[in-house]
Amino acid sequence: MVVQIRTTISDLEGQVTGLEEALQQEKEDRITQTEEILGGIRKQVAQLTTGLEQERKIRQNREKELLKELSDAMDLLNTTLDTEKFNREQQYKSMKSEIDREQSRLRKRPYQNENQAS
């Protein structure tokens, strides 16, 4: 009876050992499988991160270009407006001067007519 119990215990210990080894192997297999999956995912994440960084740099460079173009356009507009303002001021002064001369000439005219009539 004791021999039979020892044999049963020994068989059970063998089964437990076999189950522990199988469990350890399954654990290692799952870790390997998980690493393979995660390795691919990590590679994809690295590629996406690189692509995102490149896209960010492209966007920032484009933004700088657009801001430069906007600044240049504003400078050109301001220069054009200043030139137009100066030209109009000159035209105004010229017209005012011409009008003042013409008014002065017209004021003298009645006197000239009176002097010629006398």
Foldseek 3Di string as FASTA:
>chain_A
DVVVVVVVVVVVVVVVVVVVVVVVVVVVVVVVVVCVVVVVVVVVVVVVVVVVVVVVVVVVVVVVVVVVVVVVVVVVVVVVVVVVVVVVVVVVVVVVVVVVVVVVVVVCVVVVVVVVVD
